[in-house]
């Protein structure tokens, strides 16, 4: 992992990307997107997370966050560990998941190259952490996050995409609450 993409100042807001190994399109299923949202909400209420912005795409999650207690790296580790275990269980134990065997192959393949992953790996180890130390940096990354579904051709306007904080910022009801910056 490059030195420039590490969380150095634990107190600052960061732009992060959590990517599924092999770019597997897991989040095309609502149930998996909803699990991520539930965990964001829980972390806001119980783990001291400021969630300023997010978007859940088919194979990654972009977010802008800050940790109230100054332990952002710990939060990232815990969030990814918890969600990966939960998502792997949901995918591999669901007989209705038509992609179950294919996804298992992807998760096993990527785990072979990472000693700490066990037999299966869901998230990549990189977070592409970018410290947002100026307000204009936050605005720029927020726009980037919210424009993702538009660039993907899924919606015409950012606020039309349900799994994004763009709705919150445009005055519409979002699926979860965010912390306004």
C-alpha atoms as a PDB file:
ATOM      1  CA  UNK A   1       0.000   0.000   0.000  1.00  0.00           C
ATOM      2  CA  UNK A   2       1.381   3.389  -0.918  1.00  0.00           C
ATOM      3  CA  UNK A   3       2.562   5.676   1.852  1.00  0.00           C
ATOM      4  CA  UNK A   4       0.374   8.475   0.488  1.00  0.00           C
ATOM      5  CA  UNK A   5      -2.867   6.524   0.964  1.00  0.00           C
ATOM      6  CA  UNK A   6      -2.596   5.745   4.667  1.00  0.00           C
ATOM      7  CA  UNK A   7      -4.545   7.257   7.528  1.00  0.00           C
ATOM      8  CA  UNK A   8      -1.953   9.381   9.308  1.00  0.00           C
ATOM      9  CA  UNK A   9      -3.913  11.964  11.282  1.00  0.00           C
ATOM     10  CA  UNK A  10      -6.593   9.966  13.094  1.00  0.00           C
ATOM     11  CA  UNK A  11      -8.500  13.166  13.968  1.00  0.00           C
ATOM     12  CA  UNK A  12      -9.110  14.395  10.418  1.00  0.00           C
ATOM     13  CA  UNK A  13     -11.926  13.618   7.970  1.00  0.00           C
ATOM     14  CA  UNK A  14     -10.968  11.166   5.219  1.00  0.00           C
ATOM     15  CA  UNK A  15     -12.233  10.042   1.863  1.00  0.00           C
ATOM     16  CA  UNK A  16     -12.133   6.224   1.855  1.00  0.00           C
ATOM     17  CA  UNK A  17     -12.902   3.516  -0.666  1.00  0.00           C
ATOM     18  CA  UNK A  18     -13.797  -0.016   0.419  1.00  0.00           C
ATOM     19  CA  UNK A  19     -13.523  -2.275  -2.616  1.00  0.00           C
ATOM     20  CA  UNK A  20     -14.735  -5.870  -2.973  1.00  0.00           C
ATOM     21  CA  UNK A  21     -11.936  -8.243  -4.029  1.00  0.00           C
ATOM     22  CA  UNK A  22     -11.860  -9.013  -7.734  1.00  0.00           C
ATOM     23  CA  UNK A  23     -14.231  -6.111  -8.348  1.00  0.00           C
ATOM     24  CA  UNK A  24     -17.062  -8.610  -7.723  1.00  0.00           C
ATOM     25  CA  UNK A  25     -20.459  -6.940  -8.143  1.00  0.00           C
ATOM     26  CA  UNK A  26     -21.866  -7.992  -4.772  1.00  0.00           C
ATOM     27  CA  UNK A  27     -23.875  -4.843  -4.088  1.00  0.00           C
ATOM     28  CA  UNK A  28     -26.221  -5.381  -7.004  1.00  0.00           C
ATOM     29  CA  UNK A  29     -28.398  -7.097  -4.391  1.00  0.00           C
ATOM     30  CA  UNK A  30     -30.438  -4.846  -2.096  1.00  0.00           C
ATOM     31  CA  UNK A  31     -29.940  -7.061   0.964  1.00  0.00           C
ATOM     32  CA  UNK A  32     -26.153  -6.544   0.855  1.00  0.00           C
ATOM     33  CA  UNK A  33     -26.437  -2.769   0.344  1.00  0.00           C
ATOM     34  CA  UNK A  34     -28.854  -2.607   3.251  1.00  0.00           C
ATOM     35  CA  UNK A  35     -26.362  -4.394   5.508  1.00  0.00           C
ATOM     36  CA  UNK A  36     -23.796  -1.665   4.792  1.00  0.00           C
ATOM     37  CA  UNK A  37     -26.346   1.050   5.583  1.00  0.00           C
ATOM     38  CA  UNK A  38     -27.378  -0.655   8.833  1.00  0.00           C
ATOM     39  CA  UNK A  39     -23.750  -0.745   9.896  1.00  0.00           C
ATOM     40  CA  UNK A  40     -23.158   2.892   8.978  1.00  0.00           C
ATOM     41  CA  UNK A  41     -26.150   3.854  11.119  1.00  0.00           C
ATOM     42  CA  UNK A  42     -24.977   1.703  14.016  1.00  0.00           C
ATOM     43  CA  UNK A  43     -21.474   3.196  13.841  1.00  0.00           C
ATOM     44  CA  UNK A  44     -22.867   6.736  13.841  1.00  0.00           C
ATOM     45  CA  UNK A  45     -24.949   6.041  16.936  1.00  0.00           C
ATOM     46  CA  UNK A  46     -22.693   3.682  18.888  1.00  0.00           C
ATOM     47  CA  UNK A  47     -19.112   3.956  17.607  1.00  0.00           C
ATOM     48  CA  UNK A  48     -18.515   7.699  17.391  1.00  0.00           C
ATOM     49  CA  UNK A  49     -18.470   7.899  13.605  1.00  0.00           C
ATOM     50  CA  UNK A  50     -19.184  11.081  11.699  1.00  0.00           C
ATOM     51  CA  UNK A  51     -20.544   9.963   8.320  1.00  0.00           C
ATOM     52  CA  UNK A  52     -20.504  12.993   6.039  1.00  0.00           C
ATOM     53  CA  UNK A  53     -21.129  11.284   2.720  1.00  0.00           C
ATOM     54  CA  UNK A  54     -21.324   7.890   1.049  1.00  0.00           C
ATOM     55  CA  UNK A  55     -22.292   5.991  -2.060  1.00  0.00           C
ATOM     56  CA  UNK A  56     -22.667   2.246  -2.463  1.00  0.00           C
ATOM     57  CA  UNK A  57     -21.805   1.144  -5.988  1.00  0.00           C
ATOM     58  CA  UNK A  58     -21.946  -2.424  -7.326  1.00  0.00           C
ATOM     59  CA  UNK A  59     -18.479  -3.408  -6.086  1.00  0.00           C
ATOM     60  CA  UNK A  60     -17.279  -0.644  -3.792  1.00  0.00           C
ATOM     61  CA  UNK A  61     -18.262   1.892  -1.204  1.00  0.00           C
ATOM     62  CA  UNK A  62     -16.969   5.477  -1.181  1.00  0.00           C
ATOM     63  CA  UNK A  63     -17.346   7.482   2.002  1.00  0.00           C
ATOM     64  CA  UNK A  64     -16.230  10.591   3.811  1.00  0.00           C
ATOM     65  CA  UNK A  65     -15.876   9.957   7.526  1.00  0.00           C
ATOM     66  CA  UNK A  66     -14.244  11.159  10.698  1.00  0.00           C
ATOM     67  CA  UNK A  67     -13.931   9.372  14.028  1.00  0.00           C
ATOM     68  CA  UNK A  68     -14.978  11.302  17.169  1.00  0.00           C
ATOM     69  CA  UNK A  69     -12.421   9.589  19.403  1.00  0.00           C
ATOM     70  CA  UNK A  70      -9.558   9.935  16.939  1.00  0.00           C
ATOM     71  CA  UNK A  71      -9.257   6.228  16.162  1.00  0.00           C
ATOM     72  CA  UNK A  72     -10.283   6.123  12.513  1.00  0.00           C
ATOM     73  CA  UNK A  73      -7.938   3.250  11.612  1.00  0.00           C
ATOM     74  CA  UNK A  74      -9.482   1.134  14.358  1.00  0.00           C
ATOM     75  CA  UNK A  75     -12.966   1.915  13.064  1.00  0.00           C
ATOM     76  CA  UNK A  76     -11.999   0.980   9.483  1.00  0.00           C
ATOM     77  CA  UNK A  77     -10.496  -2.324  10.666  1.00  0.00           C
ATOM     78  CA  UNK A  78     -13.531  -3.183  12.793  1.00  0.00           C
ATOM     79  CA  UNK A  79     -16.093  -2.135  10.175  1.00  0.00           C
ATOM     80  CA  UNK A  80     -14.453  -4.125   7.396  1.00  0.00           C
ATOM     81  CA  UNK A  81     -13.942  -7.164   9.621  1.00  0.00           C
ATOM     82  CA  UNK A  82     -17.547  -7.206  10.830  1.00  0.00           C
ATOM     83  CA  UNK A  83     -19.161  -6.513   7.454  1.00  0.00           C
ATOM     84  CA  UNK A  84     -16.954  -9.001   5.616  1.00  0.00           C
ATOM     85  CA  UNK A  85     -17.875 -11.818   8.019  1.00  0.00           C
ATOM     86  CA  UNK A  86     -21.554 -10.938   7.846  1.00  0.00           C
ATOM     87  CA  UNK A  87     -21.612 -10.543   4.041  1.00  0.00           C
ATOM     88  CA  UNK A  88     -19.663 -13.759   3.433  1.00  0.00           C
ATOM     89  CA  UNK A  89     -22.095 -15.652   5.654  1.00  0.00           C
ATOM     90  CA  UNK A  90     -25.117 -14.095   3.919  1.00  0.00           C
ATOM     91  CA  UNK A  91     -23.767 -14.909   0.462  1.00  0.00           C
ATOM     92  CA  UNK A  92     -22.449 -18.411   1.077  1.00  0.00           C
ATOM     93  CA  UNK A  93     -25.320 -19.679   3.203  1.00  0.00           C
ATOM     94  CA  UNK A  94     -28.077 -18.344   0.949  1.00  0.00           C
ATOM     95  CA  UNK A  95     -29.341 -21.074  -1.370  1.00  0.00           C
ATOM     96  CA  UNK A  96     -31.190 -18.399  -3.337  1.00  0.00           C
ATOM     97  CA  UNK A  97     -27.934 -16.583  -4.236  1.00  0.00           C
ATOM     98  CA  UNK A  98     -27.414 -17.646  -7.856  1.00  0.00           C
ATOM     99  CA  UNK A  99     -23.816 -16.376  -7.848  1.00  0.00           C
ATOM    100  CA  UNK A 100     -22.820 -18.164  -4.635  1.00  0.00           C
ATOM    101  CA  UNK A 101     -20.290 -20.619  -6.116  1.00  0.00           C
ATOM    102  CA  UNK A 102     -18.773 -18.032  -8.440  1.00  0.00           C
ATOM    103  CA  UNK A 103     -18.364 -15.516  -5.611  1.00  0.00           C
ATOM    104  CA  UNK A 104     -16.866 -18.184  -3.352  1.00  0.00           C
ATOM    105  CA  UNK A 105     -14.194 -18.871  -5.978  1.00  0.00           C
ATOM    106  CA  UNK A 106     -13.335 -15.154  -6.090  1.00  0.00           C
ATOM    107  CA  UNK A 107     -13.190 -14.838  -2.286  1.00  0.00           C
ATOM    108  CA  UNK A 108     -11.018 -17.985  -1.966  1.00  0.00           C
ATOM    109  CA  UNK A 109      -8.671 -16.934  -4.750  1.00  0.00           C
ATOM    110  CA  UNK A 110      -7.931 -13.536  -3.202  1.00  0.00           C
ATOM    111  CA  UNK A 111      -7.518 -14.982   0.290  1.00  0.00           C
ATOM    112  CA  UNK A 112      -4.638 -17.171  -0.961  1.00  0.00           C
ATOM    113  CA  UNK A 113      -2.482 -14.076  -1.437  1.00  0.00           C
ATOM    114  CA  UNK A 114      -3.156 -12.522   1.976  1.00  0.00           C
ATOM    115  CA  UNK A 115      -2.020 -14.413   5.057  1.00  0.00           C
ATOM    116  CA  UNK A 116      -4.355 -12.644   7.481  1.00  0.00           C
ATOM    117  CA  UNK A 117      -7.520 -13.272   5.464  1.00  0.00           C
ATOM    118  CA  UNK A 118      -8.182 -16.880   6.367  1.00  0.00           C
ATOM    119  CA  UNK A 119      -9.887 -18.996   3.707  1.00  0.00           C
ATOM    120  CA  UNK A 120     -12.015 -16.193   2.277  1.00  0.00           C
ATOM    121  CA  UNK A 121     -11.451 -12.492   1.666  1.00  0.00           C
ATOM    122  CA  UNK A 122     -14.258 -10.012   0.961  1.00  0.00           C
ATOM    123  CA  UNK A 123     -12.683  -6.524   1.029  1.00  0.00           C
ATOM    124  CA  UNK A 124      -9.323  -5.531  -0.422  1.00  0.00           C
ATOM    125  CA  UNK A 125      -6.811  -4.382   2.177  1.00  0.00           C
ATOM    126  CA  UNK A 126      -6.436  -0.925   0.642  1.00  0.00           C
ATOM    127  CA  UNK A 127      -8.742   1.916   1.638  1.00  0.00           C
ATOM    128  CA  UNK A 128      -7.350   4.610  -0.683  1.00  0.00           C
ATOM    129  CA  UNK A 129      -7.421   6.993   2.284  1.00  0.00           C
ATOM    130  CA  UNK A 130      -7.181  10.666   1.360  1.00  0.00           C
ATOM    131  CA  UNK A 131      -7.012  13.203   4.174  1.00  0.00           C
ATOM    132  CA  UNK A 132      -9.424  16.082   3.637  1.00  0.00           C
ATOM    133  CA  UNK A 133      -7.735  18.990   5.380  1.00  0.00           C
ATOM    134  CA  UNK A 134      -9.447  21.836   3.505  1.00  0.00           C
ATOM    135  CA  UNK A 135     -13.203  22.476   3.063  1.00  0.00           C
ATOM    136  CA  UNK A 136     -12.848  22.613  -0.727  1.00  0.00           C
ATOM    137  CA  UNK A 137     -11.317  19.116  -0.666  1.00  0.00           C
ATOM    138  CA  UNK A 138     -14.382  17.809   1.172  1.00  0.00           C
ATOM    139  CA  UNK A 139     -16.690  19.516  -1.328  1.00  0.00           C
ATOM    140  CA  UNK A 140     -14.749  18.091  -4.276  1.00  0.00           C
ATOM    141  CA  UNK A 141     -14.793  14.526  -2.923  1.00  0.00           C
ATOM    142  CA  UNK A 142     -18.449  14.822  -1.956  1.00  0.00           C
ATOM    143  CA  UNK A 143     -19.287  15.826  -5.521  1.00  0.00           C
ATOM    144  CA  UNK A 144     -17.191  12.908  -6.819  1.00  0.00           C
ATOM    145  CA  UNK A 145     -19.037  10.473  -4.525  1.00  0.00           C
ATOM    146  CA  UNK A 146     -22.478  11.780  -5.451  1.00  0.00           C
ATOM    147  CA  UNK A 147     -21.755  11.827  -9.191  1.00  0.00           C
ATOM    148  CA  UNK A 148     -20.695   8.135  -9.265  1.00  0.00           C
ATOM    149  CA  UNK A 149     -24.166   6.727 -10.097  1.00  0.00           C
ATOM    150  CA  UNK A 150     -24.589   9.420 -12.774  1.00  0.00           C
ATOM    151  CA  UNK A 151     -21.246   8.511 -14.381  1.00  0.00           C
ATOM    152  CA  UNK A 152     -22.284   4.836 -14.236  1.00  0.00           C
ATOM    153  CA  UNK A 153     -25.449   5.710 -16.187  1.00  0.00           C
ATOM    154  CA  UNK A 154     -27.784   4.502 -13.442  1.00  0.00           C
ATOM    155  CA  UNK A 155     -29.499   7.857 -12.839  1.00  0.00           C
ATOM    156  CA  UNK A 156     -29.644  11.291 -14.420  1.00  0.00           C
ATOM    157  CA  UNK A 157     -29.248  13.264 -11.184  1.00  0.00           C
ATOM    158  CA  UNK A 158     -27.256  12.288  -8.079  1.00  0.00           C
ATOM    159  CA  UNK A 159     -30.248  12.643  -5.743  1.00  0.00           C
ATOM    160  CA  UNK A 160     -32.177  10.010  -7.726  1.00  0.00           C
ATOM    161  CA  UNK A 161     -29.866   7.245  -6.481  1.00  0.00           C
ATOM    162  CA  UNK A 162     -31.182   5.796  -3.200  1.00  0.00           C
ATOM    163  CA  UNK A 163     -27.893   4.387  -1.880  1.00  0.00           C
ATOM    164  CA  UNK A 164     -26.097   7.691  -1.612  1.00  0.00           C
ATOM    165  CA  UNK A 165     -26.015  10.672   0.703  1.00  0.00           C
ATOM    166  CA  UNK A 166     -26.796  12.910  -2.298  1.00  0.00           C
ATOM    167  CA  UNK A 167     -30.458  12.626  -1.318  1.00  0.00           C
ATOM    168  CA  UNK A 168     -29.723  14.008   2.151  1.00  0.00           C
ATOM    169  CA  UNK A 169     -27.796  16.960   0.731  1.00  0.00           C
ATOM    170  CA  UNK A 170     -30.505  17.801  -1.813  1.00  0.00           C
ATOM    171  CA  UNK A 171     -33.201  18.102   0.855  1.00  0.00           C
ATOM    172  CA  UNK A 172     -34.765  14.684   0.196  1.00  0.00           C
ATOM    173  CA  UNK A 173     -35.090  11.926   2.773  1.00  0.00           C
ATOM    174  CA  UNK A 174     -32.090   9.637   2.600  1.00  0.00           C
ATOM    175  CA  UNK A 175     -32.174   5.984   3.572  1.00  0.00           C
ATOM    176  CA  UNK A 176     -29.980   6.803   6.595  1.00  0.00           C
ATOM    177  CA  UNK A 177     -28.961   9.958   8.425  1.00  0.00           C
ATOM    178  CA  UNK A 178     -25.635  11.643   7.729  1.00  0.00           C
ATOM    179  CA  UNK A 179     -23.607  14.246   9.578  1.00  0.00           C
ATOM    180  CA  UNK A 180     -23.576  17.486   7.613  1.00  0.00           C
ATOM    181  CA  UNK A 181     -20.214  19.142   7.234  1.00  0.00           C
END
